[in-house]
C-alpha atoms as a PDB file:
ATOM      1  CA  MET A   1      -0.012  -0.070   0.113  1.00  0.00           C
ATOM      2  CA  ILE A   2       2.948   2.445   0.844  1.00  0.00           C
ATOM      3  CA  PRO A   3       4.487   2.252  -2.741  1.00  0.00           C
ATOM      4  CA  TYR A   4       1.163   2.480  -4.345  1.00  0.00           C
ATOM      5  CA  MET A   5       0.584   5.811  -2.224  1.00  0.00           C
ATOM      6  CA  PHE A   6       3.971   7.187  -2.790  1.00  0.00           C
ATOM      7  CA  PHE A   7       4.102   6.631  -6.440  1.00  0.00           C
ATOM      8  CA  LEU A   8       0.610   7.826  -6.853  1.00  0.00           C
ATOM      9  CA  LEU A   9       1.301  11.208  -5.318  1.00  0.00           C
ATOM     10  CA  ILE A  10       4.497  11.423  -7.072  1.00  0.00           C
ATOM     11  CA  SER A  11       3.056  10.703 -10.529  1.00  0.00           C
ATOM     12  CA  TYR A  12       0.203  13.387  -9.829  1.00  0.00           C
ATOM     13  CA  CYS A  13       2.474  16.118  -8.842  1.00  0.00           C
ATOM     14  CA  TYR A  14       4.875  15.351 -11.685  1.00  0.00           C
ATOM     15  CA  TRP A  15       1.900  15.746 -14.222  1.00  0.00           C
ATOM     16  CA  LEU A  16       0.743  18.858 -12.833  1.00  0.00           C
ATOM     17  CA  ILE A  17       4.126  20.284 -13.421  1.00  0.00           C
ATOM     18  CA  ALA A  18       4.544  18.849 -16.664  1.00  0.00           C
ATOM     19  CA  ASN A  19       1.127  20.064 -17.935  1.00  0.00           C
ATOM     20  CA  ARG A  20       0.806  23.223 -15.956  1.00  0.00           C
ATOM     21  CA  PHE A  21       0.169  25.059 -19.192  1.00  0.00           C
ATOM     22  CA  SER A  22      -2.377  22.481 -20.392  1.00  0.00           C
ATOM     23  CA  PRO A  23      -5.953  23.521 -21.116  1.00  0.00           C
ATOM     24  CA  VAL A  24      -7.099  20.344 -19.363  1.00  0.00           C
ATOM     25  CA  GLN A  25      -8.638  21.310 -16.027  1.00  0.00           C
ATOM     26  CA  VAL A  26      -7.733  18.977 -13.134  1.00  0.00           C
ATOM     27  CA  ASP A  27      -7.927  19.257  -9.272  1.00  0.00           C
ATOM     28  CA  CYS A  28      -7.421  17.219  -6.109  1.00  0.00           C
ATOM     29  CA  TYR A  29     -10.492  15.246  -6.758  1.00  0.00           C
ATOM     30  CA  ASP A  30      -8.876  13.429  -9.560  1.00  0.00           C
ATOM     31  CA  ILE A  31      -6.163  11.829  -7.491  1.00  0.00           C
ATOM     32  CA  VAL A  32      -8.716  10.887  -4.893  1.00  0.00           C
ATOM     33  CA  LYS A  33     -10.979   9.237  -7.404  1.00  0.00           C
ATOM     34  CA  ALA A  34      -7.970   7.327  -8.953  1.00  0.00           C
ATOM     35  CA  PHE A  35      -7.014   6.084  -5.466  1.00  0.00           C
ATOM     36  CA  VAL A  36     -10.615   5.016  -4.617  1.00  0.00           C
ATOM     37  CA  ILE A  37     -11.421   3.238  -7.714  1.00  0.00           C
ATOM     38  CA  GLY A  38      -7.944   1.814  -8.219  1.00  0.00           C
ATOM     39  CA  SER A  39      -8.545   1.037 -11.950  1.00  0.00           C
ATOM     40  CA  ASN A  40      -7.845   2.574 -15.117  1.00  0.00           C
ATOM     41  CA  TYR A  41     -10.699   1.408 -17.447  1.00  0.00           C
ATOM     42  CA  GLN A  42     -11.904   5.101 -17.269  1.00  0.00           C
ATOM     43  CA  ASN A  43      -8.586   6.652 -17.569  1.00  0.00           C
ATOM     44  CA  GLU A  44      -8.565   7.412 -13.777  1.00  0.00           C
ATOM     45  CA  PHE A  45      -4.679   7.107 -13.891  1.00  0.00           C
ATOM     46  CA  PHE A  46      -4.264   9.767 -16.618  1.00  0.00           C
ATOM     47  CA  PHE A  47      -1.233  10.884 -15.045  1.00  0.00           C
ATOM     48  CA  ASN A  48       0.522   7.486 -15.060  1.00  0.00           C
ATOM     49  CA  ALA A  49      -1.353   4.659 -16.677  1.00  0.00           C
ATOM     50  CA  PRO A  50       0.742   1.804 -15.358  1.00  0.00           C
ATOM     51  CA  MET A  51      -0.483   2.661 -11.703  1.00  0.00           C
ATOM     52  CA  TRP A  52      -3.304   0.280 -12.260  1.00  0.00           C
ATOM     53  CA  PHE A  53      -1.141  -2.652 -11.546  1.00  0.00           C
ATOM     54  CA  PHE A  54      -0.660  -1.959  -7.937  1.00  0.00           C
ATOM     55  CA  PRO A  55      -4.194  -2.121  -6.803  1.00  0.00           C
ATOM     56  CA  ALA A  56      -4.604  -5.268  -8.989  1.00  0.00           C
ATOM     57  CA  LEU A  57      -1.583  -6.717  -7.202  1.00  0.00           C
ATOM     58  CA  ILE A  58      -2.764  -5.767  -3.936  1.00  0.00           C
ATOM     59  CA  SER A  59      -6.298  -7.336  -4.812  1.00  0.00           C
ATOM     60  CA  THR A  60      -4.533 -10.523  -5.967  1.00  0.00           C
ATOM     61  CA  HIS A  61      -2.813 -11.045  -2.802  1.00  0.00           C
ATOM     62  CA  ILE A  62      -5.931 -10.551  -0.869  1.00  0.00           C
ATOM     63  CA  ILE A  63      -7.805 -13.282  -3.029  1.00  0.00           C
ATOM     64  CA  ALA A  64      -4.862 -15.602  -2.971  1.00  0.00           C
ATOM     65  CA  VAL A  65      -5.037 -15.657   1.087  1.00  0.00           C
ATOM     66  CA  MET A  66      -8.551 -17.634   0.606  1.00  0.00           C
ATOM     67  CA  PHE A  67      -6.891 -20.349  -1.596  1.00  0.00           C
ATOM     68  CA  ASN A  68      -4.089 -20.639   1.119  1.00  0.00           C
ATOM     69  CA  LYS A  69      -6.837 -22.722   3.038  1.00  0.00           C
ATOM     70  CA  PHE A  70      -6.752 -25.592   0.621  1.00  0.00           C
ATOM     71  CA  THR A  71      -4.073 -28.018  -0.277  1.00  0.00           C
ATOM     72  CA  ALA A  72      -1.800 -27.130  -3.431  1.00  0.00           C
ATOM     73  CA  THR A  73      -3.752 -29.123  -5.840  1.00  0.00           C
ATOM     74  CA  GLN A  74      -6.993 -27.813  -4.640  1.00  0.00           C
ATOM     75  CA  GLY A  75      -5.962 -24.162  -4.507  1.00  0.00           C
ATOM     76  CA  ILE A  76      -4.694 -24.457  -8.076  1.00  0.00           C
ATOM     77  CA  LEU A  77      -7.875 -26.146  -9.261  1.00  0.00           C
ATOM     78  CA  GLY A  78      -9.877 -23.622  -7.463  1.00  0.00           C
ATOM     79  CA  ALA A  79      -7.992 -20.670  -8.940  1.00  0.00           C
ATOM     80  CA  LEU A  80      -8.199 -22.150 -12.597  1.00  0.00           C
ATOM     81  CA  ILE A  81     -11.871 -22.386 -12.169  1.00  0.00           C
ATOM     82  CA  THR A  82     -11.920 -18.814 -10.985  1.00  0.00           C
ATOM     83  CA  SER A  83     -10.011 -17.413 -13.495  1.00  0.00           C
ATOM     84  CA  ALA A  84     -11.513 -19.109 -16.440  1.00  0.00           C
ATOM     85  CA  SER A  85     -15.101 -18.129 -14.954  1.00  0.00           C
ATOM     86  CA  ALA A  86     -13.935 -14.626 -14.310  1.00  0.00           C
ATOM     87  CA  MET A  87     -12.611 -14.102 -18.147  1.00  0.00           C
ATOM     88  CA  LEU A  88     -15.764 -15.481 -19.509  1.00  0.00           C
ATOM     89  CA  ALA A  89     -17.947 -13.626 -17.178  1.00  0.00           C
ATOM     90  CA  PHE A  90     -16.292 -10.189 -17.698  1.00  0.00           C
ATOM     91  CA  THR A  91     -15.916 -10.808 -21.629  1.00  0.00           C
ATOM     92  CA  PHE A  92     -19.549 -11.228 -22.033  1.00  0.00           C
ATOM     93  CA  LEU A  93     -20.968  -8.736 -19.064  1.00  0.00           C
ATOM     94  CA  LYS A  94     -18.582  -6.017 -20.004  1.00  0.00           C
ATOM     95  CA  LEU A  95     -18.311  -5.540 -16.155  1.00  0.00           C
ATOM     96  CA  ARG A  96     -15.554  -3.591 -14.397  1.00  0.00           C
ATOM     97  CA  LEU A  97     -14.652  -3.682 -10.705  1.00  0.00           C
ATOM     98  CA  PRO A  98     -12.691  -1.163  -8.622  1.00  0.00           C
ATOM     99  CA  TRP A  99      -9.345  -1.737  -7.467  1.00  0.00           C
ATOM    100  CA  GLY A 100      -8.360  -4.098 -10.229  1.00  0.00           C
ATOM    101  CA  ILE A 101     -10.587  -7.027  -8.635  1.00  0.00           C
ATOM    102  CA  ASP A 102     -11.611  -8.078 -12.021  1.00  0.00           C
ATOM    103  CA  VAL A 103      -8.018  -8.253 -13.205  1.00  0.00           C
ATOM    104  CA  ALA A 104      -7.022 -10.143  -9.835  1.00  0.00           C
ATOM    105  CA  LEU A 105      -9.834 -12.595 -10.433  1.00  0.00           C
ATOM    106  CA  THR A 106      -8.818 -13.660 -14.018  1.00  0.00           C
ATOM    107  CA  MET A 107      -5.051 -13.724 -12.996  1.00  0.00           C
ATOM    108  CA  ILE A 108      -5.307 -15.650  -9.713  1.00  0.00           C
ATOM    109  CA  PHE A 109      -4.660 -18.970 -11.298  1.00  0.00           C
ATOM    110  CA  PHE A 110      -1.245 -17.827 -12.566  1.00  0.00           C
ATOM    111  CA  PHE A 111      -0.550 -16.412  -9.467  1.00  0.00           C
ATOM    112  CA  SER A 112      -1.254 -19.468  -7.464  1.00  0.00           C
ATOM    113  CA  LEU A 113       0.549 -21.652  -9.767  1.00  0.00           C
ATOM    114  CA  GLY A 114       3.621 -19.547  -9.650  1.00  0.00           C
ATOM    115  CA  LYS A 115       3.510 -19.847  -5.913  1.00  0.00           C
ATOM    116  CA  ALA A 116       2.984 -23.485  -6.014  1.00  0.00           C
ATOM    117  CA  ILE A 117       6.031 -24.422  -8.089  1.00  0.00           C
ATOM    118  CA  ARG A 118       8.370 -21.896  -6.778  1.00  0.00           C
ATOM    119  CA  ASN A 119       9.958 -24.576  -4.319  1.00  0.00           C
ATOM    120  CA  GLN A 120       9.238 -27.603  -6.723  1.00  0.00           C
ATOM    121  CA  LEU A 121      10.917 -26.694 -10.052  1.00  0.00           C
ATOM    122  CA  PRO A 122      13.505 -29.607  -9.925  1.00  0.00           C
ATOM    123  CA  LYS A 123      10.464 -32.174  -9.650  1.00  0.00           C
ATOM    124  CA  ILE A 124       8.216 -30.218 -11.875  1.00  0.00           C
ATOM    125  CA  ILE A 125      10.537 -29.537 -14.749  1.00  0.00           C
ATOM    126  CA  PRO A 126      13.318 -31.980 -14.587  1.00  0.00           C
ATOM    127  CA  LEU A 127      14.442 -31.009 -18.076  1.00  0.00           C
ATOM    128  CA  ALA A 128      15.617 -27.499 -16.728  1.00  0.00           C
ATOM    129  CA  LEU A 129      18.145 -29.182 -14.709  1.00  0.00           C
ATOM    130  CA  ASP A 130      19.531 -31.745 -17.311  1.00  0.00           C
ATOM    131  CA  SER A 131      22.100 -30.990 -19.783  1.00  0.00           C
ATOM    132  CA  GLY A 132      22.382 -27.698 -21.492  1.00  0.00           C
ATOM    133  CA  ILE A 133      21.844 -28.811 -24.987  1.00  0.00           C
ATOM    134  CA  LYS A 134      18.276 -30.040 -23.816  1.00  0.00           C
ATOM    135  CA  ARG A 135      17.509 -26.879 -21.860  1.00  0.00           C
ATOM    136  CA  TYR A 136      18.570 -24.617 -24.651  1.00  0.00           C
ATOM    137  CA  ALA A 137      16.527 -26.686 -27.284  1.00  0.00           C
ATOM    138  CA  SER A 138      13.736 -26.348 -24.910  1.00  0.00           C
ATOM    139  CA  ILE A 139      13.958 -22.547 -24.764  1.00  0.00           C
ATOM    140  CA  ILE A 140      14.168 -22.251 -28.504  1.00  0.00           C
ATOM    141  CA  VAL A 141      11.176 -24.507 -29.238  1.00  0.00           C
ATOM    142  CA  THR A 142       9.009 -23.149 -26.374  1.00  0.00           C
ATOM    143  CA  PHE A 143       9.907 -19.502 -27.637  1.00  0.00           C
ATOM    144  CA  LEU A 144       9.013 -20.317 -31.255  1.00  0.00           C
ATOM    145  CA  LEU A 145       5.668 -22.119 -30.147  1.00  0.00           C
ATOM    146  CA  LEU A 146       4.793 -18.869 -27.896  1.00  0.00           C
ATOM    147  CA  ILE A 147       5.591 -16.564 -30.744  1.00  0.00           C
ATOM    148  CA  PHE A 148       3.481 -18.548 -33.133  1.00  0.00           C
ATOM    149  CA  LEU A 149       0.518 -19.121 -30.894  1.00  0.00           C
ATOM    150  CA  SER A 150       0.732 -15.264 -29.838  1.00  0.00           C
ATOM    151  CA  GLU A 151       0.334 -14.368 -33.437  1.00  0.00           C
ATOM    152  CA  VAL A 152      -2.466 -16.917 -33.893  1.00  0.00           C
ATOM    153  CA  ASN A 153      -4.489 -15.457 -30.823  1.00  0.00           C
ATOM    154  CA  GLY A 154      -3.745 -11.708 -31.695  1.00  0.00           C
ATOM    155  CA  ARG A 155      -3.790  -8.634 -29.382  1.00  0.00           C
ATOM    156  CA  VAL A 156      -4.180  -9.240 -25.644  1.00  0.00           C
ATOM    157  CA  ASP A 157      -4.430  -6.663 -22.720  1.00  0.00           C
ATOM    158  CA  VAL A 158      -4.924  -7.928 -19.271  1.00  0.00           C
ATOM    159  CA  ASN A 159      -5.710  -4.258 -17.928  1.00  0.00           C
ATOM    160  CA  THR A 160      -8.669  -4.031 -20.197  1.00  0.00           C
ATOM    161  CA  LEU A 161      -9.644  -7.702 -19.869  1.00  0.00           C
ATOM    162  CA  MET A 162      -8.891  -8.512 -23.668  1.00  0.00           C
ATOM    163  CA  PHE A 163      -7.863 -11.958 -23.903  1.00  0.00           C
ATOM    164  CA  ALA A 164      -8.866 -12.995 -27.530  1.00  0.00           C
ATOM    165  CA  ASN A 165      -9.316 -16.650 -27.585  1.00  0.00           C
ATOM    166  CA  ILE A 166      -9.413 -17.686 -23.805  1.00  0.00           C
ATOM    167  CA  PRO A 167      -8.073 -21.157 -24.214  1.00  0.00           C
ATOM    168  CA  LEU A 168      -5.191 -19.995 -26.412  1.00  0.00           C
ATOM    169  CA  PHE A 169      -4.493 -17.056 -23.846  1.00  0.00           C
ATOM    170  CA  PHE A 170      -3.829 -19.805 -21.074  1.00  0.00           C
ATOM    171  CA  ILE A 171      -1.678 -21.833 -23.294  1.00  0.00           C
ATOM    172  CA  ASN A 172       0.361 -18.905 -24.063  1.00  0.00           C
ATOM    173  CA  ALA A 173       0.634 -17.732 -20.733  1.00  0.00           C
ATOM    174  CA  LEU A 174       1.742 -21.085 -19.411  1.00  0.00           C
ATOM    175  CA  LEU A 175       4.365 -21.263 -22.269  1.00  0.00           C
ATOM    176  CA  GLY A 176       5.660 -17.798 -21.070  1.00  0.00           C
ATOM    177  CA  ILE A 177       5.843 -19.406 -17.688  1.00  0.00           C
ATOM    178  CA  LEU A 178       7.656 -22.176 -18.799  1.00  0.00           C
ATOM    179  CA  LEU A 179      10.052 -20.150 -20.839  1.00  0.00           C
ATOM    180  CA  THR A 180      10.641 -17.869 -17.937  1.00  0.00           C
ATOM    181  CA  ILE A 181      11.792 -20.965 -15.763  1.00  0.00           C
ATOM    182  CA  LEU A 182      13.844 -22.309 -18.388  1.00  0.00           C
ATOM    183  CA  ILE A 183      15.664 -19.134 -18.887  1.00  0.00           C
ATOM    184  CA  SER A 184      16.218 -18.613 -15.114  1.00  0.00           C
ATOM    185  CA  PHE A 185      17.843 -21.860 -14.843  1.00  0.00           C
ATOM    186  CA  SER A 186      20.251 -20.955 -17.898  1.00  0.00           C
ATOM    187  CA  VAL A 187      21.271 -17.527 -16.240  1.00  0.00           C
ATOM    188  CA  ASN A 188      21.788 -18.724 -12.768  1.00  0.00           C
ATOM    189  CA  GLN A 189      22.635 -16.041 -10.247  1.00  0.00           C
ATOM    190  CA  ASN A 190      23.091 -12.801 -12.360  1.00  0.00           C
ATOM    191  CA  LYS A 191      23.473  -9.627 -10.796  1.00  0.00           C
ATOM    192  CA  THR A 192      21.644  -7.690 -13.330  1.00  0.00           C
ATOM    193  CA  PHE A 193      18.327  -9.794 -13.007  1.00  0.00           C
ATOM    194  CA  THR A 194      18.733  -9.674  -9.260  1.00  0.00           C
ATOM    195  CA  TYR A 195      19.182  -6.098  -9.292  1.00  0.00           C
ATOM    196  CA  LEU A 196      15.932  -5.795 -11.650  1.00  0.00           C
ATOM    197  CA  SER A 197      13.926  -7.879  -9.404  1.00  0.00           C
ATOM    198  CA  LYS A 198      14.802  -6.129  -6.158  1.00  0.00           C
ATOM    199  CA  ASN A 199      13.809  -2.825  -7.817  1.00  0.00           C
ATOM    200  CA  THR A 200      10.857  -3.835  -9.817  1.00  0.00           C
ATOM    201  CA  LEU A 201       8.336  -1.593  -7.675  1.00  0.00           C
ATOM    202  CA  TRP A 202      10.770   1.639  -9.003  1.00  0.00           C
ATOM    203  CA  PHE A 203      11.228   0.688 -12.482  1.00  0.00           C
ATOM    204  CA  PHE A 204       7.593  -0.063 -13.165  1.00  0.00           C
ATOM    205  CA  PRO A 205       5.966   3.133 -12.349  1.00  0.00           C
ATOM    206  CA  LEU A 206       8.858   5.558 -13.096  1.00  0.00           C
ATOM    207  CA  HIS A 207       9.636   4.200 -16.679  1.00  0.00           C
ATOM    208  CA  VAL A 208       6.839   6.437 -17.947  1.00  0.00           C
ATOM    209  CA  PHE A 209       8.697   9.620 -16.724  1.00  0.00           C
ATOM    210  CA  ALA A 210      11.980   8.471 -18.185  1.00  0.00           C
ATOM    211  CA  PHE A 211      10.487   7.981 -21.713  1.00  0.00           C
ATOM    212  CA  ALA A 212       8.747  11.368 -21.301  1.00  0.00           C
ATOM    213  CA  LEU A 213      12.085  12.941 -20.555  1.00  0.00           C
ATOM    214  CA  LEU A 214      13.886  11.175 -23.439  1.00  0.00           C
ATOM    215  CA  THR A 215      10.824  12.328 -25.947  1.00  0.00           C
ATOM    216  CA  PHE A 216      11.240  15.804 -24.655  1.00  0.00           C
ATOM    217  CA  LEU A 217      15.231  15.784 -25.065  1.00  0.00           C
ATOM    218  CA  LEU A 218      14.965  14.200 -28.738  1.00  0.00           C
ATOM    219  CA  THR A 219      11.944  16.353 -29.794  1.00  0.00           C
ATOM    220  CA  ARG A 220      12.607  19.694 -28.506  1.00  0.00           C
ATOM    221  CA  ILE A 221      16.336  19.475 -28.082  1.00  0.00           C
ATOM    222  CA  GLY A 222      17.480  16.954 -30.678  1.00  0.00           C
ATOM    223  CA  GLY A 223      14.809  18.106 -33.276  1.00  0.00           C
ATOM    224  CA  ILE A 224      13.793  14.389 -34.142  1.00  0.00           C
ATOM    225  CA  ASP A 225      10.310  13.665 -35.456  1.00  0.00           C
ATOM    226  CA  ILE A 226       8.647  11.916 -32.611  1.00  0.00           C
ATOM    227  CA  ALA A 227       6.831   9.599 -35.374  1.00  0.00           C
ATOM    228  CA  LEU A 228      10.141   7.957 -35.734  1.00  0.00           C
ATOM    229  CA  LYS A 229      10.315   6.318 -32.326  1.00  0.00           C
ATOM    230  CA  ASP A 230       7.357   4.090 -33.217  1.00  0.00           C
ATOM    231  CA  LYS A 231       8.771   3.146 -36.454  1.00  0.00           C
ATOM    232  CA  SER A 232      12.321   1.803 -35.695  1.00  0.00           C
ATOM    233  CA  PHE A 233      13.371  -0.823 -33.353  1.00  0.00           C
ATOM    234  CA  ILE A 234      16.589   1.083 -32.415  1.00  0.00           C
ATOM    235  CA  PHE A 235      14.527   3.629 -30.586  1.00  0.00           C
ATOM    236  CA  SER A 236      13.113   1.033 -28.323  1.00  0.00           C
ATOM    237  CA  VAL A 237      16.514  -0.153 -27.496  1.00  0.00           C
ATOM    238  CA  ILE A 238      17.290   3.623 -26.717  1.00  0.00           C
ATOM    239  CA  TYR A 239      14.279   4.155 -24.572  1.00  0.00           C
ATOM    240  CA  THR A 240      14.830   0.995 -22.806  1.00  0.00           C
ATOM    241  CA  THR A 241      18.433   1.786 -22.082  1.00  0.00           C
ATOM    242  CA  PHE A 242      17.712   5.366 -21.175  1.00  0.00           C
ATOM    243  CA  ALA A 243      14.999   4.472 -18.545  1.00  0.00           C
ATOM    244  CA  PHE A 244      17.381   1.657 -17.005  1.00  0.00           C
ATOM    245  CA  LEU A 245      20.046   4.344 -16.554  1.00  0.00           C
ATOM    246  CA  ILE A 246      18.047   7.178 -15.310  1.00  0.00           C
ATOM    247  CA  ILE A 247      15.940   5.104 -12.897  1.00  0.00           C
ATOM    248  CA  SER A 248      19.108   3.366 -11.540  1.00  0.00           C
ATOM    249  CA  LEU A 249      20.285   6.738 -10.846  1.00  0.00           C
ATOM    250  CA  VAL A 250      17.075   7.472  -8.954  1.00  0.00           C
ATOM    251  CA  ILE A 251      17.485   4.154  -7.031  1.00  0.00           C
ATOM    252  CA  ASN A 252      21.239   4.965  -6.151  1.00  0.00           C
ATOM    253  CA  ILE A 253      20.218   8.372  -4.773  1.00  0.00           C
ATOM    254  CA  LYS A 254      17.281   6.636  -2.746  1.00  0.00           C
ATOM    255  CA  ASN A 255      19.725   4.297  -1.229  1.00  0.00           C
ATOM    256  CA  ARG A 256      22.262   6.833  -0.388  1.00  0.00           C
ATOM    257  CA  VAL A 257      19.802   9.143   1.409  1.00  0.00           C
ATOM    258  CA  GLY A 258      18.401   6.195   3.568  1.00  0.00           C
ATOM    259  CA  PHE A 259      15.280   5.700   2.042  1.00  0.00           C
ATOM    260  CA  LYS A 260      14.316   2.086   3.197  1.00  0.00           C
ATOM    261  CA  TRP A 261      10.694   1.876   3.009  1.00  0.00           C
ATOM    262  CA  PHE A 262      10.551  -0.435  -0.085  1.00  0.00           C
END
């Protein structure tokens, strides 16, 4: 809850400063509304769209507590039924719930599955601990299959509850989980990944500001056509690298001043 409130306030203040000459009228009610509703389906988080993830994550943790009362198998089965039912219901009813509860209900299966297999990876996926050739071959096959089925399924967007073909969505999500596990065994203890995992709460909400800053530098100072950034892969690399460096600087300053809340 503290990270959510912290970044909510930071995001809103940044937006007010960056858009101080904008004709759009906003007031303190907007941030209160965003905090209470906790979803972005009506652009409540206009000042930082990725903020919808925080309430959804909190709701997911709360819902997951209910499944802790069952055995691992019962919990996963119950979560699977819940997620599938929620996807069907929200797709046909076009209903949205506050605080990302709708997103949490559709994603609870994957959250529960991840928690259940976290300490059972050697038993569940022995292939990952086998020879490097088998592991790398599995990574390639899984990756290609995921790319192909993702193209078949089309665009998905969890935030807007857009799943396209629901069975294919489940298959692709499971393939993504498998691919992540296989890759994690290949990289072992990696300082970069460890750093990213420990500071995810900072990278996720702040990358929007880093992108906005770079866009300003490229267009206002560099004179580059803003349309180019959506047409070239190199700009994706530049934006990602810039965001990583800028946010890492913020994190370093945070650590130096003794900010230890999260």
